[in-house]
mmCIF file of all heavy atoms, coordinates in Angstrom:
data_MODEL
# 
_entry.id   MODEL 
# 
loop_
_atom_site.group_PDB 
_atom_site.id 
_atom_site.type_symbol 
_atom_site.label_atom_id 
_atom_site.label_alt_id 
_atom_site.label_comp_id 
_atom_site.label_asym_id 
_atom_site.label_entity_id 
_atom_site.label_seq_id 
_atom_site.pdbx_PDB_ins_code 
_atom_site.Cartn_x 
_atom_site.Cartn_y 
_atom_site.Cartn_z 
_atom_site.occupancy 
_atom_site.B_iso_or_equiv 
_atom_site.pdbx_formal_charge 
_atom_site.auth_seq_id 
_atom_site.auth_comp_id 
_atom_site.auth_asym_id 
_atom_site.auth_atom_id 
_atom_site.pdbx_PDB_model_num 
ATOM 1   N N   . VAL A 1 1  ? -3.236  -112.475 -17.316 1.00 0.00 ? 1  VAL A N   1 
ATOM 2   C CA  . VAL A 1 1  ? -4.066  -111.948 -18.406 1.00 0.00 ? 1  VAL A CA  1 
ATOM 3   C C   . VAL A 1 1  ? -5.447  -112.587 -18.378 1.00 0.00 ? 1  VAL A C   1 
ATOM 4   O O   . VAL A 1 1  ? -6.468  -111.904 -18.571 1.00 0.00 ? 1  VAL A O   1 
ATOM 5   C CB  . VAL A 1 1  ? -3.388  -112.165 -19.767 1.00 0.00 ? 1  VAL A CB  1 
ATOM 6   C CG1 . VAL A 1 1  ? -4.353  -111.862 -20.921 1.00 0.00 ? 1  VAL A CG1 1 
ATOM 7   C CG2 . VAL A 1 1  ? -2.141  -111.302 -19.886 1.00 0.00 ? 1  VAL A CG2 1 
ATOM 8   N N   . ASN A 1 2  ? -5.520  -113.885 -18.130 1.00 0.00 ? 2  ASN A N   1 
ATOM 9   C CA  . ASN A 1 2  ? -6.821  -114.551 -18.076 1.00 0.00 ? 2  ASN A CA  1 
ATOM 10  C C   . ASN A 1 2  ? -7.672  -114.022 -16.930 1.00 0.00 ? 2  ASN A C   1 
ATOM 11  O O   . ASN A 1 2  ? -8.888  -113.841 -17.078 1.00 0.00 ? 2  ASN A O   1 
ATOM 12  C CB  . ASN A 1 2  ? -6.638  -116.062 -17.944 1.00 0.00 ? 2  ASN A CB  1 
ATOM 13  C CG  . ASN A 1 2  ? -6.241  -116.718 -19.256 1.00 0.00 ? 2  ASN A CG  1 
ATOM 14  O OD1 . ASN A 1 2  ? -6.616  -116.265 -20.329 1.00 0.00 ? 2  ASN A OD1 1 
ATOM 15  N ND2 . ASN A 1 2  ? -5.470  -117.791 -19.168 1.00 0.00 ? 2  ASN A ND2 1 
ATOM 16  N N   . VAL A 1 3  ? -7.058  -113.783 -15.786 1.00 0.00 ? 3  VAL A N   1 
ATOM 17  C CA  . VAL A 1 3  ? -7.802  -113.204 -14.671 1.00 0.00 ? 3  VAL A CA  1 
ATOM 18  C C   . VAL A 1 3  ? -8.341  -111.826 -15.050 1.00 0.00 ? 3  VAL A C   1 
ATOM 19  O O   . VAL A 1 3  ? -9.496  -111.482 -14.757 1.00 0.00 ? 3  VAL A O   1 
ATOM 20  C CB  . VAL A 1 3  ? -6.913  -113.139 -13.407 1.00 0.00 ? 3  VAL A CB  1 
ATOM 21  C CG1 . VAL A 1 3  ? -7.551  -112.247 -12.345 1.00 0.00 ? 3  VAL A CG1 1 
ATOM 22  C CG2 . VAL A 1 3  ? -6.700  -114.538 -12.843 1.00 0.00 ? 3  VAL A CG2 1 
ATOM 23  N N   . THR A 1 4  ? -7.511  -111.031 -15.709 1.00 0.00 ? 4  THR A N   1 
ATOM 24  C CA  . THR A 1 4  ? -7.970  -109.734 -16.203 1.00 0.00 ? 4  THR A CA  1 
ATOM 25  C C   . THR A 1 4  ? -9.184  -109.907 -17.119 1.00 0.00 ? 4  THR A C   1 
ATOM 26  O O   . THR A 1 4  ? -10.182 -109.182 -17.006 1.00 0.00 ? 4  THR A O   1 
ATOM 27  C CB  . THR A 1 4  ? -6.830  -109.030 -16.964 1.00 0.00 ? 4  THR A CB  1 
ATOM 28  O OG1 . THR A 1 4  ? -5.740  -108.791 -16.072 1.00 0.00 ? 4  THR A OG1 1 
ATOM 29  C CG2 . THR A 1 4  ? -7.299  -107.712 -17.556 1.00 0.00 ? 4  THR A CG2 1 
ATOM 30  N N   . HIS A 1 5  ? -9.094  -110.869 -18.019 1.00 0.00 ? 5  HIS A N   1 
ATOM 31  C CA  . HIS A 1 5  ? -10.187 -111.133 -18.957 1.00 0.00 ? 5  HIS A CA  1 
ATOM 32  C C   . HIS A 1 5  ? -11.456 -111.530 -18.224 1.00 0.00 ? 5  HIS A C   1 
ATOM 33  O O   . HIS A 1 5  ? -12.553 -111.023 -18.535 1.00 0.00 ? 5  HIS A O   1 
ATOM 34  C CB  . HIS A 1 5  ? -9.744  -112.254 -19.913 1.00 0.00 ? 5  HIS A CB  1 
ATOM 35  C CG  . HIS A 1 5  ? -10.790 -112.691 -20.881 1.00 0.00 ? 5  HIS A CG  1 
ATOM 36  N ND1 . HIS A 1 5  ? -11.164 -111.938 -21.975 1.00 0.00 ? 5  HIS A ND1 1 
ATOM 37  C CD2 . HIS A 1 5  ? -11.567 -113.815 -20.916 1.00 0.00 ? 5  HIS A CD2 1 
ATOM 38  C CE1 . HIS A 1 5  ? -12.100 -112.576 -22.656 1.00 0.00 ? 5  HIS A CE1 1 
ATOM 39  N NE2 . HIS A 1 5  ? -12.365 -113.710 -22.038 1.00 0.00 ? 5  HIS A NE2 1 
ATOM 40  N N   . TRP A 1 6  ? -11.346 -112.422 -17.244 1.00 0.00 ? 6  TRP A N   1 
ATOM 41  C CA  . TRP A 1 6  ? -12.534 -112.887 -16.531 1.00 0.00 ? 6  TRP A CA  1 
ATOM 42  C C   . TRP A 1 6  ? -13.160 -111.789 -15.679 1.00 0.00 ? 6  TRP A C   1 
ATOM 43  O O   . TRP A 1 6  ? -14.380 -111.709 -15.567 1.00 0.00 ? 6  TRP A O   1 
ATOM 44  C CB  . TRP A 1 6  ? -12.173 -114.102 -15.680 1.00 0.00 ? 6  TRP A CB  1 
ATOM 45  C CG  . TRP A 1 6  ? -11.831 -115.304 -16.519 1.00 0.00 ? 6  TRP A CG  1 
ATOM 46  C CD1 . TRP A 1 6  ? -12.417 -115.675 -17.700 1.00 0.00 ? 6  TRP A CD1 1 
ATOM 47  C CD2 . TRP A 1 6  ? -10.817 -116.287 -16.249 1.00 0.00 ? 6  TRP A CD2 1 
ATOM 48  N NE1 . TRP A 1 6  ? -11.836 -116.829 -18.177 1.00 0.00 ? 6  TRP A NE1 1 
ATOM 49  C CE2 . TRP A 1 6  ? -10.852 -117.226 -17.330 1.00 0.00 ? 6  TRP A CE2 1 
ATOM 50  C CE3 . TRP A 1 6  ? -9.890  -116.472 -15.232 1.00 0.00 ? 6  TRP A CE3 1 
ATOM 51  C CZ2 . TRP A 1 6  ? -9.986  -118.322 -17.371 1.00 0.00 ? 6  TRP A CZ2 1 
ATOM 52  C CZ3 . TRP A 1 6  ? -9.039  -117.561 -15.280 1.00 0.00 ? 6  TRP A CZ3 1 
ATOM 53  C CH2 . TRP A 1 6  ? -9.087  -118.479 -16.350 1.00 0.00 ? 6  TRP A CH2 1 
ATOM 54  N N   . VAL A 1 7  ? -12.329 -110.950 -15.082 1.00 0.00 ? 7  VAL A N   1 
ATOM 55  C CA  . VAL A 1 7  ? -12.877 -109.819 -14.325 1.00 0.00 ? 7  VAL A CA  1 
ATOM 56  C C   . VAL A 1 7  ? -13.569 -108.853 -15.276 1.00 0.00 ? 7  VAL A C   1 
ATOM 57  O O   . VAL A 1 7  ? -14.686 -108.380 -15.029 1.00 0.00 ? 7  VAL A O   1 
ATOM 58  C CB  . VAL A 1 7  ? -11.760 -109.099 -13.541 1.00 0.00 ? 7  VAL A CB  1 
ATOM 59  C CG1 . VAL A 1 7  ? -12.302 -107.802 -12.923 1.00 0.00 ? 7  VAL A CG1 1 
ATOM 60  C CG2 . VAL A 1 7  ? -11.196 -110.001 -12.454 1.00 0.00 ? 7  VAL A CG2 1 
ATOM 61  N N   . ASP A 1 8  ? -12.928 -108.560 -16.378 1.00 0.00 ? 8  ASP A N   1 
ATOM 62  C CA  . ASP A 1 8  ? -13.469 -107.608 -17.349 1.00 0.00 ? 8  ASP A CA  1 
ATOM 63  C C   . ASP A 1 8  ? -14.777 -108.106 -17.942 1.00 0.00 ? 8  ASP A C   1 
ATOM 64  O O   . ASP A 1 8  ? -15.699 -107.317 -18.193 1.00 0.00 ? 8  ASP A O   1 
ATOM 65  C CB  . ASP A 1 8  ? -12.430 -107.384 -18.459 1.00 0.00 ? 8  ASP A CB  1 
ATOM 66  C CG  . ASP A 1 8  ? -12.834 -106.288 -19.426 1.00 0.00 ? 8  ASP A CG  1 
ATOM 67  O OD1 . ASP A 1 8  ? -13.170 -105.176 -18.968 1.00 0.00 ? 8  ASP A OD1 1 
ATOM 68  O OD2 . ASP A 1 8  ? -12.812 -106.533 -20.649 1.00 0.00 ? 8  ASP A OD2 1 
ATOM 69  N N   . ARG A 1 9  ? -14.879 -109.418 -18.159 1.00 0.00 ? 9  ARG A N   1 
ATOM 70  C CA  . ARG A 1 9  ? -16.065 -109.998 -18.783 1.00 0.00 ? 9  ARG A CA  1 
ATOM 71  C C   . ARG A 1 9  ? -17.176 -110.303 -17.783 1.00 0.00 ? 9  ARG A C   1 
ATOM 72  O O   . ARG A 1 9  ? -18.283 -110.661 -18.174 1.00 0.00 ? 9  ARG A O   1 
ATOM 73  C CB  . ARG A 1 9  ? -15.685 -111.307 -19.498 1.00 0.00 ? 9  ARG A CB  1 
ATOM 74  C CG  . ARG A 1 9  ? -14.752 -111.140 -20.670 1.00 0.00 ? 9  ARG A CG  1 
ATOM 75  C CD  . ARG A 1 9  ? -15.501 -110.765 -21.931 1.00 0.00 ? 9  ARG A CD  1 
ATOM 76  N NE  . ARG A 1 9  ? -16.439 -111.809 -22.296 1.00 0.00 ? 9  ARG A NE  1 
ATOM 77  C CZ  . ARG A 1 9  ? -17.685 -111.580 -22.731 1.00 0.00 ? 9  ARG A CZ  1 
ATOM 78  N NH1 . ARG A 1 9  ? -18.130 -110.352 -22.816 1.00 0.00 ? 9  ARG A NH1 1 
ATOM 79  N NH2 . ARG A 1 9  ? -18.474 -112.586 -23.066 1.00 0.00 ? 9  ARG A NH2 1 
ATOM 80  N N   . GLY A 1 10 ? -16.890 -110.177 -16.477 1.00 0.00 ? 10 GLY A N   1 
ATOM 81  C CA  . GLY A 1 10 ? -17.907 -110.522 -15.485 1.00 0.00 ? 10 GLY A CA  1 
ATOM 82  C C   . GLY A 1 10 ? -18.186 -112.010 -15.435 1.00 0.00 ? 10 GLY A C   1 
ATOM 83  O O   . GLY A 1 10 ? -19.309 -112.438 -15.150 1.00 0.00 ? 10 GLY A O   1 
ATOM 84  N N   . THR A 1 11 ? -17.157 -112.820 -15.698 1.00 0.00 ? 11 THR A N   1 
ATOM 85  C CA  . THR A 1 11 ? -17.326 -114.268 -15.777 1.00 0.00 ? 11 THR A CA  1 
ATOM 86  C C   . THR A 1 11 ? -17.718 -114.865 -14.432 1.00 0.00 ? 11 THR A C   1 
ATOM 87  O O   . THR A 1 11 ? -18.494 -115.833 -14.378 1.00 0.00 ? 11 THR A O   1 
ATOM 88  C CB  . THR A 1 11 ? -16.032 -114.926 -16.284 1.00 0.00 ? 11 THR A CB  1 
ATOM 89  O OG1 . THR A 1 11 ? -15.691 -114.359 -17.552 1.00 0.00 ? 11 THR A OG1 1 
ATOM 90  C CG2 . THR A 1 11 ? -16.183 -116.424 -16.428 1.00 0.00 ? 11 THR A CG2 1 
ATOM 91  N N   . VAL A 1 12 ? -17.159 -114.326 -13.348 1.00 0.00 ? 12 VAL A N   1 
ATOM 92  C CA  . VAL A 1 12 ? -17.461 -114.830 -12.006 1.00 0.00 ? 12 VAL A CA  1 
ATOM 93  C C   . VAL A 1 12 ? -17.765 -113.655 -11.085 1.00 0.00 ? 12 VAL A C   1 
ATOM 94  O O   . VAL A 1 12 ? -17.458 -112.498 -11.403 1.00 0.00 ? 12 VAL A O   1 
ATOM 95  C CB  . VAL A 1 12 ? -16.270 -115.646 -11.434 1.00 0.00 ? 12 VAL A CB  1 
ATOM 96  C CG1 . VAL A 1 12 ? -16.035 -116.906 -12.242 1.00 0.00 ? 12 VAL A CG1 1 
ATOM 97  C CG2 . VAL A 1 12 ? -15.004 -114.800 -11.381 1.00 0.00 ? 12 VAL A CG2 1 
ATOM 98  N N   . ARG A 1 13 ? -18.321 -113.984 -9.928  1.00 0.00 ? 13 ARG A N   1 
ATOM 99  C CA  . ARG A 1 13 ? -18.694 -112.939 -8.970  1.00 0.00 ? 13 ARG A CA  1 
ATOM 100 C C   . ARG A 1 13 ? -17.927 -113.026 -7.655  1.00 0.00 ? 13 ARG A C   1 
ATOM 101 O O   . ARG A 1 13 ? -17.906 -112.069 -6.887  1.00 0.00 ? 13 ARG A O   1 
ATOM 102 C CB  . ARG A 1 13 ? -20.205 -113.019 -8.668  1.00 0.00 ? 13 ARG A CB  1 
ATOM 103 C CG  . ARG A 1 13 ? -21.093 -112.695 -9.851  1.00 0.00 ? 13 ARG A CG  1 
ATOM 104 C CD  . ARG A 1 13 ? -20.839 -111.308 -10.379 1.00 0.00 ? 13 ARG A CD  1 
ATOM 105 N NE  . ARG A 1 13 ? -21.735 -110.969 -11.479 1.00 0.00 ? 13 ARG A NE  1 
ATOM 106 C CZ  . ARG A 1 13 ? -21.511 -109.971 -12.324 1.00 0.00 ? 13 ARG A CZ  1 
ATOM 107 N NH1 . ARG A 1 13 ? -20.422 -109.244 -12.214 1.00 0.00 ? 13 ARG A NH1 1 
ATOM 108 N NH2 . ARG A 1 13 ? -22.364 -109.708 -13.289 1.00 0.00 ? 13 ARG A NH2 1 
ATOM 109 N N   . THR A 1 14 ? -17.316 -114.177 -7.375  1.00 0.00 ? 14 THR A N   1 
ATOM 110 C CA  . THR A 1 14 ? -16.647 -114.336 -6.087  1.00 0.00 ? 14 THR A CA  1 
ATOM 111 C C   . THR A 1 14 ? -15.173 -114.659 -6.284  1.00 0.00 ? 14 THR A C   1 
ATOM 112 O O   . THR A 1 14 ? -14.775 -115.216 -7.315  1.00 0.00 ? 14 THR A O   1 
ATOM 113 C CB  . THR A 1 14 ? -17.290 -115.461 -5.261  1.00 0.00 ? 14 THR A CB  1 
ATOM 114 O OG1 . THR A 1 14 ? -16.989 -116.727 -5.862  1.00 0.00 ? 14 THR A OG1 1 
ATOM 115 C CG2 . THR A 1 14 ? -18.799 -115.278 -5.174  1.00 0.00 ? 14 THR A CG2 1 
ATOM 116 N N   . ALA A 1 15 ? -14.389 -114.345 -5.269  1.00 0.00 ? 15 ALA A N   1 
ATOM 117 C CA  . ALA A 1 15 ? -12.959 -114.643 -5.317  1.00 0.00 ? 15 ALA A CA  1 
ATOM 118 C C   . ALA A 1 15 ? -12.723 -116.143 -5.373  1.00 0.00 ? 15 ALA A C   1 
ATOM 119 O O   . ALA A 1 15 ? -11.797 -116.613 -6.045  1.00 0.00 ? 15 ALA A O   1 
ATOM 120 C CB  . ALA A 1 15 ? -12.261 -114.043 -4.097  1.00 0.00 ? 15 ALA A CB  1 
ATOM 121 N N   . GLY A 1 16 ? -13.570 -116.917 -4.693  1.00 0.00 ? 16 GLY A N   1 
ATOM 122 C CA  . GLY A 1 16 ? -13.411 -118.364 -4.716  1.00 0.00 ? 16 GLY A CA  1 
ATOM 123 C C   . GLY A 1 16 ? -13.596 -118.936 -6.108  1.00 0.00 ? 16 GLY A C   1 
ATOM 124 O O   . GLY A 1 16 ? -12.841 -119.811 -6.545  1.00 0.00 ? 16 GLY A O   1 
ATOM 125 N N   . GLU A 1 17 ? -14.600 -118.438 -6.821  1.00 0.00 ? 17 GLU A N   1 
ATOM 126 C CA  . GLU A 1 17 ? -14.807 -118.890 -8.197  1.00 0.00 ? 17 GLU A CA  1 
ATOM 127 C C   . GLU A 1 17 ? -13.629 -118.511 -9.079  1.00 0.00 ? 17 GLU A C   1 
ATOM 128 O O   . GLU A 1 17 ? -13.179 -119.305 -9.920  1.00 0.00 ? 17 GLU A O   1 
ATOM 129 C CB  . GLU A 1 17 ? -16.081 -118.256 -8.761  1.00 0.00 ? 17 GLU A CB  1 
ATOM 130 C CG  . GLU A 1 17 ? -17.381 -118.804 -8.226  1.00 0.00 ? 17 GLU A CG  1 
ATOM 131 C CD  . GLU A 1 17 ? -18.562 -118.108 -8.876  1.00 0.00 ? 17 GLU A CD  1 
ATOM 132 O OE1 . GLU A 1 17 ? -18.712 -116.883 -8.695  1.00 0.00 ? 17 GLU A OE1 1 
ATOM 133 O OE2 . GLU A 1 17 ? -19.327 -118.780 -9.588  1.00 0.00 ? 17 GLU A OE2 1 
ATOM 134 N N   . LEU A 1 18 ? -13.126 -117.300 -8.899  1.00 0.00 ? 18 LEU A N   1 
ATOM 135 C CA  . LEU A 1 18 ? -12.011 -116.844 -9.726  1.00 0.00 ? 18 LEU A CA  1 
ATOM 136 C C   . LEU A 1 18 ? -10.764 -117.674 -9.460  1.00 0.00 ? 18 LEU A C   1 
ATOM 137 O O   . LEU A 1 18 ? -10.031 -118.020 -10.398 1.00 0.00 ? 18 LEU A O   1 
ATOM 138 C CB  . LEU A 1 18 ? -11.743 -115.361 -9.455  1.00 0.00 ? 18 LEU A CB  1 
ATOM 139 C CG  . LEU A 1 18 ? -10.713 -114.669 -10.370 1.00 0.00 ? 18 LEU A CG  1 
ATOM 140 C CD1 . LEU A 1 18 ? -11.059 -114.863 -11.836 1.00 0.00 ? 18 LEU A CD1 1 
ATOM 141 C CD2 . LEU A 1 18 ? -10.620 -113.185 -10.028 1.00 0.00 ? 18 LEU A CD2 1 
ATOM 142 N N   . ARG A 1 19 ? -10.530 -118.044 -8.207  1.00 0.00 ? 19 ARG A N   1 
ATOM 143 C CA  . ARG A 1 19 ? -9.368  -118.878 -7.896  1.00 0.00 ? 19 ARG A CA  1 
ATOM 144 C C   . ARG A 1 19 ? -9.527  -120.277 -8.498  1.00 0.00 ? 19 ARG A C   1 
ATOM 145 O O   . ARG A 1 19 ? -8.536  -120.900 -8.886  1.00 0.00 ? 19 ARG A O   1 
ATOM 146 C CB  . ARG A 1 19 ? -9.159  -118.950 -6.390  1.00 0.00 ? 19 ARG A CB  1 
ATOM 147 C CG  . ARG A 1 19 ? -8.635  -117.643 -5.791  1.00 0.00 ? 19 ARG A CG  1 
ATOM 148 C CD  . ARG A 1 19 ? -8.123  -117.821 -4.361  1.00 0.00 ? 19 ARG A CD  1 
ATOM 149 N NE  . ARG A 1 19 ? -7.467  -116.611 -3.901  1.00 0.00 ? 19 ARG A NE  1 
ATOM 150 C CZ  . ARG A 1 19 ? -8.060  -115.651 -3.183  1.00 0.00 ? 19 ARG A CZ  1 
ATOM 151 N NH1 . ARG A 1 19 ? -9.352  -115.791 -2.859  1.00 0.00 ? 19 ARG A NH1 1 
ATOM 152 N NH2 . ARG A 1 19 ? -7.393  -114.576 -2.815  1.00 0.00 ? 19 ARG A NH2 1 
ATOM 153 N N   . ARG A 1 20 ? -10.750 -120.755 -8.577  1.00 0.00 ? 20 ARG A N   1 
ATOM 154 C CA  . ARG A 1 20 ? -10.967 -122.053 -9.230  1.00 0.00 ? 20 ARG A CA  1 
ATOM 155 C C   . ARG A 1 20 ? -10.597 -121.963 -10.712 1.00 0.00 ? 20 ARG A C   1 
ATOM 156 O O   . ARG A 1 20 ? -9.975  -122.873 -11.272 1.00 0.00 ? 20 ARG A O   1 
ATOM 157 C CB  . ARG A 1 20 ? -12.417 -122.481 -9.074  1.00 0.00 ? 20 ARG A CB  1 
ATOM 158 C CG  . ARG A 1 20 ? -12.677 -123.876 -9.645  1.00 0.00 ? 20 ARG A CG  1 
ATOM 159 C CD  . ARG A 1 20 ? -14.128 -124.267 -9.558  1.00 0.00 ? 20 ARG A CD  1 
ATOM 160 N NE  . ARG A 1 20 ? -14.371 -125.526 -10.266 1.00 0.00 ? 20 ARG A NE  1 
ATOM 161 C CZ  . ARG A 1 20 ? -15.551 -125.914 -10.704 1.00 0.00 ? 20 ARG A CZ  1 
ATOM 162 N NH1 . ARG A 1 20 ? -16.618 -125.156 -10.499 1.00 0.00 ? 20 ARG A NH1 1 
ATOM 163 N NH2 . ARG A 1 20 ? -15.683 -127.059 -11.340 1.00 0.00 ? 20 ARG A NH2 1 
ATOM 164 N N   . LEU A 1 21 ? -10.960 -120.868 -11.348 1.00 0.00 ? 21 LEU A N   1 
ATOM 165 C CA  . LEU A 1 21 ? -10.602 -120.676 -12.748 1.00 0.00 ? 21 LEU A CA  1 
ATOM 166 C C   . LEU A 1 21 ? -9.086  -120.566 -12.919 1.00 0.00 ? 21 LEU A C   1 
ATOM 167 O O   . LEU A 1 21 ? -8.527  -121.059 -13.902 1.00 0.00 ? 21 LEU A O   1 
ATOM 168 C CB  . LEU A 1 21 ? -11.273 -119.419 -13.304 1.00 0.00 ? 21 LEU A CB  1 
ATOM 169 C CG  . LEU A 1 21 ? -12.613 -119.613 -14.022 1.00 0.00 ? 21 LEU A CG  1 
ATOM 170 C CD1 . LEU A 1 21 ? -13.642 -120.276 -13.116 1.00 0.00 ? 21 LEU A CD1 1 
ATOM 171 C CD2 . LEU A 1 21 ? -13.147 -118.265 -14.518 1.00 0.00 ? 21 LEU A CD2 1 
ATOM 172 N N   . THR A 1 22 ? -8.418  -119.928 -11.952 1.00 0.00 ? 22 THR A N   1 
ATOM 173 C CA  . THR A 1 22 ? -6.964  -119.768 -12.086 1.00 0.00 ? 22 THR A CA  1 
ATOM 174 C C   . THR A 1 22 ? -6.228  -121.102 -11.997 1.00 0.00 ? 22 THR A C   1 
ATOM 175 O O   . THR A 1 22 ? -5.139  -121.245 -12.558 1.00 0.00 ? 22 THR A O   1 
ATOM 176 C CB  . THR A 1 22 ? -6.394  -118.808 -11.023 1.00 0.00 ? 22 THR A CB  1 
ATOM 177 O OG1 . THR A 1 22 ? -6.574  -119.359 -9.714  1.00 0.00 ? 22 THR A OG1 1 
ATOM 178 C CG2 . THR A 1 22 ? -7.048  -117.444 -11.101 1.00 0.00 ? 22 THR A CG2 1 
ATOM 179 N N   . GLU A 1 23 ? -6.821  -122.088 -11.303 1.00 0.00 ? 23 GLU A N   1 
ATOM 180 C CA  . GLU A 1 23 ? -6.176  -123.403 -11.240 1.00 0.00 ? 23 GLU A CA  1 
ATOM 181 C C   . GLU A 1 23 ? -6.082  -124.007 -12.642 1.00 0.00 ? 23 GLU A C   1 
ATOM 182 O O   . GLU A 1 23 ? -5.026  -124.518 -13.054 1.00 0.00 ? 23 GLU A O   1 
ATOM 183 C CB  . GLU A 1 23 ? -6.962  -124.336 -10.318 1.00 0.00 ? 23 GLU A CB  1 
ATOM 184 C CG  . GLU A 1 23 ? -6.317  -125.701 -10.152 1.00 0.00 ? 23 GLU A CG  1 
ATOM 185 C CD  . GLU A 1 23 ? -7.111  -126.633 -9.247  1.00 0.00 ? 23 GLU A CD  1 
ATOM 186 O OE1 . GLU A 1 23 ? -8.216  -126.247 -8.804  1.00 0.00 ? 23 GLU A OE1 1 
ATOM 187 O OE2 . GLU A 1 23 ? -6.636  -127.767 -8.998  1.00 0.00 ? 23 GLU A OE2 1 
ATOM 188 N N   . ALA A 1 24 ? -7.172  -123.941 -13.389 1.00 0.00 ? 24 ALA A N   1 
ATOM 189 C CA  . ALA A 1 24 ? -7.151  -124.424 -14.767 1.00 0.00 ? 24 ALA A CA  1 
ATOM 190 C C   . ALA A 1 24 ? -6.279  -123.520 -15.629 1.00 0.00 ? 24 ALA A C   1 
ATOM 191 O O   . ALA A 1 24 ? -5.569  -123.984 -16.534 1.00 0.00 ? 24 ALA A O   1 
ATOM 192 C CB  . ALA A 1 24 ? -8.558  -124.492 -15.330 1.00 0.00 ? 24 ALA A CB  1 
# 
């Protein structure tokens, strides 16, 4: 759900950044 939220909100632009967020 958080990944969905971050994609929807445009929080990050790269897969690497998104994976860093998923660790937290």
